[in-house]
C-alpha atoms as a PDB file:
ATOM      1  CA  MET A   1      72.548  81.603  32.656  1.00  0.00           C
ATOM      2  CA  ASN A   2      71.709  85.036  31.244  1.00  0.00           C
ATOM      3  CA  PRO A   3      72.180  88.003  33.548  1.00  0.00           C
ATOM      4  CA  VAL A   4      68.987  89.732  34.620  1.00  0.00           C
ATOM      5  CA  LYS A   5      68.527  93.086  32.930  1.00  0.00           C
ATOM      6  CA  SER A   6      66.380  95.906  34.174  1.00  0.00           C
ATOM      7  CA  ILE A   7      63.130  96.692  32.410  1.00  0.00           C
ATOM      8  CA  ASP A   8      62.656 100.165  30.934  1.00  0.00           C
ATOM      9  CA  LEU A   9      59.708 101.247  33.074  1.00  0.00           C
ATOM     10  CA  GLN A  10      59.148 104.294  30.853  1.00  0.00           C
ATOM     11  CA  ALA A  11      58.004 101.853  28.161  1.00  0.00           C
ATOM     12  CA  THR A  12      55.684  99.689  30.285  1.00  0.00           C
ATOM     13  CA  PRO A  13      51.950 100.444  30.342  1.00  0.00           C
ATOM     14  CA  GLY A  14      51.501  99.434  33.986  1.00  0.00           C
ATOM     15  CA  HIS A  15      54.136 101.895  35.210  1.00  0.00           C
ATOM     16  CA  LEU A  16      52.907 104.675  32.923  1.00  0.00           C
ATOM     17  CA  ILE A  17      49.281 104.192  33.990  1.00  0.00           C
ATOM     18  CA  ARG A  18      50.342 104.292  37.655  1.00  0.00           C
ATOM     19  CA  ARG A  19      52.339 107.488  37.058  1.00  0.00           C
ATOM     20  CA  ALA A  20      49.448 109.056  35.142  1.00  0.00           C
ATOM     21  CA  GLN A  21      47.125 108.229  38.052  1.00  0.00           C
ATOM     22  CA  GLN A  22      49.574 109.813  40.511  1.00  0.00           C
ATOM     23  CA  ILE A  23      49.735 112.934  38.354  1.00  0.00           C
ATOM     24  CA  ALA A  24      45.936 113.108  38.052  1.00  0.00           C
ATOM     25  CA  VAL A  25      45.439 112.788  41.825  1.00  0.00           C
ATOM     26  CA  SER A  26      48.155 115.368  42.482  1.00  0.00           C
ATOM     27  CA  ILE A  27      46.554 117.886  40.108  1.00  0.00           C
ATOM     28  CA  PHE A  28      43.107 117.224  41.608  1.00  0.00           C
ATOM     29  CA  SER A  29      44.397 117.705  45.168  1.00  0.00           C
ATOM     30  CA  GLU A  30      46.401 120.792  44.246  1.00  0.00           C
ATOM     31  CA  GLN A  31      43.444 122.464  42.529  1.00  0.00           C
ATOM     32  CA  LEU A  32      40.821 121.538  45.144  1.00  0.00           C
ATOM     33  CA  THR A  33      42.654 121.820  48.470  1.00  0.00           C
ATOM     34  CA  SER A  34      40.147 124.344  49.826  1.00  0.00           C
ATOM     35  CA  ALA A  35      37.117 122.291  48.726  1.00  0.00           C
ATOM     36  CA  ASP A  36      37.890 119.436  51.162  1.00  0.00           C
ATOM     37  CA  ILE A  37      37.016 116.724  48.642  1.00  0.00           C
ATOM     38  CA  THR A  38      39.095 113.853  47.299  1.00  0.00           C
ATOM     39  CA  PRO A  39      38.840 112.283  43.833  1.00  0.00           C
ATOM     40  CA  VAL A  40      37.195 109.199  45.373  1.00  0.00           C
ATOM     41  CA  GLN A  41      34.673 111.314  47.294  1.00  0.00           C
ATOM     42  CA  PHE A  42      33.895 113.234  44.112  1.00  0.00           C
ATOM     43  CA  ALA A  43      33.382 109.987  42.158  1.00  0.00           C
ATOM     44  CA  ILE A  44      31.023 108.626  44.807  1.00  0.00           C
ATOM     45  CA  LEU A  45      29.012 111.844  45.119  1.00  0.00           C
ATOM     46  CA  ASN A  46      28.772 112.104  41.340  1.00  0.00           C
ATOM     47  CA  ALA A  47      27.560 108.492  41.055  1.00  0.00           C
ATOM     48  CA  LEU A  48      25.004 109.063  43.824  1.00  0.00           C
ATOM     49  CA  LEU A  49      23.725 112.142  42.027  1.00  0.00           C
ATOM     50  CA  GLU A  50      23.122 109.937  38.955  1.00  0.00           C
ATOM     51  CA  SER A  51      21.566 107.105  40.997  1.00  0.00           C
ATOM     52  CA  PRO A  52      19.958 108.373  44.200  1.00  0.00           C
ATOM     53  CA  GLY A  53      18.872 105.579  46.515  1.00  0.00           C
ATOM     54  CA  ILE A  54      21.466 103.082  45.294  1.00  0.00           C
ATOM     55  CA  ASP A  55      22.830 100.563  47.803  1.00  0.00           C
ATOM     56  CA  GLN A  56      26.487 100.555  48.873  1.00  0.00           C
ATOM     57  CA  VAL A  57      27.466  97.344  47.035  1.00  0.00           C
ATOM     58  CA  SER A  58      25.959  98.564  43.744  1.00  0.00           C
ATOM     59  CA  LEU A  59      27.605 101.953  44.221  1.00  0.00           C
ATOM     60  CA  ALA A  60      30.995 100.331  44.806  1.00  0.00           C
ATOM     61  CA  LYS A  61      30.632  98.411  41.531  1.00  0.00           C
ATOM     62  CA  ARG A  62      29.546 101.528  39.654  1.00  0.00           C
ATOM     63  CA  VAL A  63      32.625 103.525  40.705  1.00  0.00           C
ATOM     64  CA  ALA A  64      34.952 100.489  40.604  1.00  0.00           C
ATOM     65  CA  PHE A  65      36.006 100.614  44.260  1.00  0.00           C
ATOM     66  CA  ASP A  66      36.059  97.721  46.664  1.00  0.00           C
ATOM     67  CA  PRO A  67      33.168  97.803  49.158  1.00  0.00           C
ATOM     68  CA  ALA A  68      35.494  98.380  52.137  1.00  0.00           C
ATOM     69  CA  THR A  69      37.037 101.478  50.539  1.00  0.00           C
ATOM     70  CA  SER A  70      33.692 102.845  49.450  1.00  0.00           C
ATOM     71  CA  GLY A  71      32.277 102.159  52.920  1.00  0.00           C
ATOM     72  CA  SER A  72      34.932 104.252  54.644  1.00  0.00           C
ATOM     73  CA  VAL A  73      34.545 107.035  52.082  1.00  0.00           C
ATOM     74  CA  ILE A  74      30.771 107.006  52.539  1.00  0.00           C
ATOM     75  CA  GLY A  75      31.344 107.273  56.290  1.00  0.00           C
ATOM     76  CA  ARG A  76      33.453 110.410  55.742  1.00  0.00           C
ATOM     77  CA  LEU A  77      30.820 111.844  53.403  1.00  0.00           C
ATOM     78  CA  GLU A  78      28.162 111.166  56.060  1.00  0.00           C
ATOM     79  CA  ALA A  79      30.301 112.940  58.663  1.00  0.00           C
ATOM     80  CA  LYS A  80      30.442 115.990  56.369  1.00  0.00           C
ATOM     81  CA  GLY A  81      26.656 115.864  56.029  1.00  0.00           C
ATOM     82  CA  TRP A  82      26.867 115.233  52.271  1.00  0.00           C
ATOM     83  CA  VAL A  83      25.337 111.737  52.230  1.00  0.00           C
ATOM     84  CA  VAL A  84      22.706 109.935  54.288  1.00  0.00           C
ATOM     85  CA  ARG A  85      21.889 106.244  54.558  1.00  0.00           C
ATOM     86  CA  GLN A  86      18.207 105.377  54.511  1.00  0.00           C
ATOM     87  CA  ALA A  87      16.611 102.020  55.216  1.00  0.00           C
ATOM     88  CA  ASP A  88      15.252 100.290  52.105  1.00  0.00           C
ATOM     89  CA  PRO A  89      11.455 100.168  52.552  1.00  0.00           C
ATOM     90  CA  ASN A  90      11.463  96.637  51.032  1.00  0.00           C
ATOM     91  CA  ASP A  91      14.355  95.319  53.158  1.00  0.00           C
ATOM     92  CA  ARG A  92      15.081  97.213  56.382  1.00  0.00           C
ATOM     93  CA  ARG A  93      18.548  95.594  56.637  1.00  0.00           C
ATOM     94  CA  ARG A  94      19.616  97.156  53.345  1.00  0.00           C
ATOM     95  CA  LYS A  95      20.737 100.791  53.393  1.00  0.00           C
ATOM     96  CA  LEU A  96      20.215 103.113  50.457  1.00  0.00           C
ATOM     97  CA  LEU A  97      22.427 106.136  49.880  1.00  0.00           C
ATOM     98  CA  VAL A  98      21.251 109.629  49.009  1.00  0.00           C
ATOM     99  CA  VAL A  99      23.158 112.886  48.488  1.00  0.00           C
ATOM    100  CA  THR A 100      21.916 115.607  50.837  1.00  0.00           C
ATOM    101  CA  ASN A 101      21.234 119.180  49.740  1.00  0.00           C
ATOM    102  CA  SER A 102      24.566 120.092  51.315  1.00  0.00           C
ATOM    103  CA  GLY A 103      26.267 117.368  49.253  1.00  0.00           C
ATOM    104  CA  VAL A 104      24.609 118.581  46.052  1.00  0.00           C
ATOM    105  CA  HIS A 105      25.829 122.099  46.863  1.00  0.00           C
ATOM    106  CA  ALA A 106      29.391 120.848  47.538  1.00  0.00           C
ATOM    107  CA  LEU A 107      29.371 118.908  44.266  1.00  0.00           C
ATOM    108  CA  GLY A 108      28.081 121.943  42.374  1.00  0.00           C
ATOM    109  CA  GLN A 109      30.856 124.075  43.848  1.00  0.00           C
ATOM    110  CA  VAL A 110      33.584 121.869  42.361  1.00  0.00           C
ATOM    111  CA  GLN A 111      32.164 120.653  39.027  1.00  0.00           C
ATOM    112  CA  GLU A 112      33.677 123.488  36.974  1.00  0.00           C
ATOM    113  CA  ASP A 113      37.004 122.993  38.760  1.00  0.00           C
ATOM    114  CA  VAL A 114      36.895 119.261  38.015  1.00  0.00           C
ATOM    115  CA  ALA A 115      36.317 120.023  34.321  1.00  0.00           C
ATOM    116  CA  ARG A 116      39.352 122.348  34.345  1.00  0.00           C
ATOM    117  CA  ILE A 117      41.377 119.655  36.137  1.00  0.00           C
ATOM    118  CA  GLN A 118      40.584 117.198  33.340  1.00  0.00           C
ATOM    119  CA  GLU A 119      41.788 119.767  30.813  1.00  0.00           C
ATOM    120  CA  LYS A 120      45.001 120.307  32.781  1.00  0.00           C
ATOM    121  CA  ILE A 121      45.652 116.561  33.030  1.00  0.00           C
ATOM    122  CA  LEU A 122      45.379 116.257  29.249  1.00  0.00           C
ATOM    123  CA  SER A 123      47.128 119.563  28.447  1.00  0.00           C
ATOM    124  CA  PRO A 124      50.425 118.024  27.211  1.00  0.00           C
ATOM    125  CA  LEU A 125      48.438 116.436  24.350  1.00  0.00           C
ATOM    126  CA  THR A 126      46.944 118.063  21.261  1.00  0.00           C
ATOM    127  CA  SER A 127      43.160 118.186  21.002  1.00  0.00           C
ATOM    128  CA  SER A 128      43.181 115.209  18.638  1.00  0.00           C
ATOM    129  CA  GLU A 129      45.542 113.260  20.907  1.00  0.00           C
ATOM    130  CA  GLN A 130      43.319 114.023  23.908  1.00  0.00           C
ATOM    131  CA  SER A 131      40.282 112.522  22.183  1.00  0.00           C
ATOM    132  CA  GLN A 132      42.254 109.508  21.030  1.00  0.00           C
ATOM    133  CA  PHE A 133      43.835 108.987  24.456  1.00  0.00           C
ATOM    134  CA  VAL A 134      40.503 109.099  26.300  1.00  0.00           C
ATOM    135  CA  HIS A 135      38.933 106.800  23.695  1.00  0.00           C
ATOM    136  CA  LEU A 136      41.770 104.239  23.963  1.00  0.00           C
ATOM    137  CA  LEU A 137      41.862 104.443  27.761  1.00  0.00           C
ATOM    138  CA  SER A 138      38.112 103.861  27.867  1.00  0.00           C
ATOM    139  CA  ARG A 139      38.471 100.825  25.586  1.00  0.00           C
ATOM    140  CA  LEU A 140      41.272  99.468  27.768  1.00  0.00           C
ATOM    141  CA  VAL A 141      39.180  99.799  30.939  1.00  0.00           C
ATOM    142  CA  GLN A 142      36.033  98.396  29.326  1.00  0.00           C
ATOM    143  CA  GLY A 143      37.986  95.493  27.876  1.00  0.00           C
ATOM    144  CA  HIS A 144      39.295  94.498  31.282  1.00  0.00           C
ATOM    145  CA  GLN A 145      35.940  94.997  33.018  1.00  0.00           C
ATOM    146  CA  ALA A 146      34.471  92.372  30.704  1.00  0.00           C
ATOM    147  CA  GLU A 147      36.923  89.736  32.001  1.00  0.00           C
END
C-alpha cells in the first residue's frame, strides 16, 4: 500500500479560490468598517437597486445566496431602515423587496469605496492580468451555474 502524501494546497483551485475570497472579504471589511455594511449586504442592496420589487427567492438566486442566508441579511437591512418588504398586489402572501431612500443613500456612500476595493483586490496583477483573471473567473462561475 502506498503511503498517503499531502496535497500541495497552493496548487489547488479550491484552496486558492477560498483564500482569495477570504482576502477579498478582509479588504472589504477593512476599507468599510465605518460604513456598517458587509459584502453580502452590499450585494443584496445592489441587486435590489437593479430590480426593485423583486421577491426574496428571486433575489437569493440573483445574488447566489441560499434563501435562509438572504432572509437573515434582509432582516438586518430592514432593521437599518435600508429595505422594506411590501405585499405583492397580485398575491398578498408574497413579499416584494424595495430599497428605501436611506438604503439608496447608504449604497451611494460606499460605491466609490467598493470600486477602489476591487482595484486593491486585483492590485498584485498587471492590468492585462486583471482583465484576464476577471474574464476567466466569470467563465468559471458561469460554467458551474449552468450545471
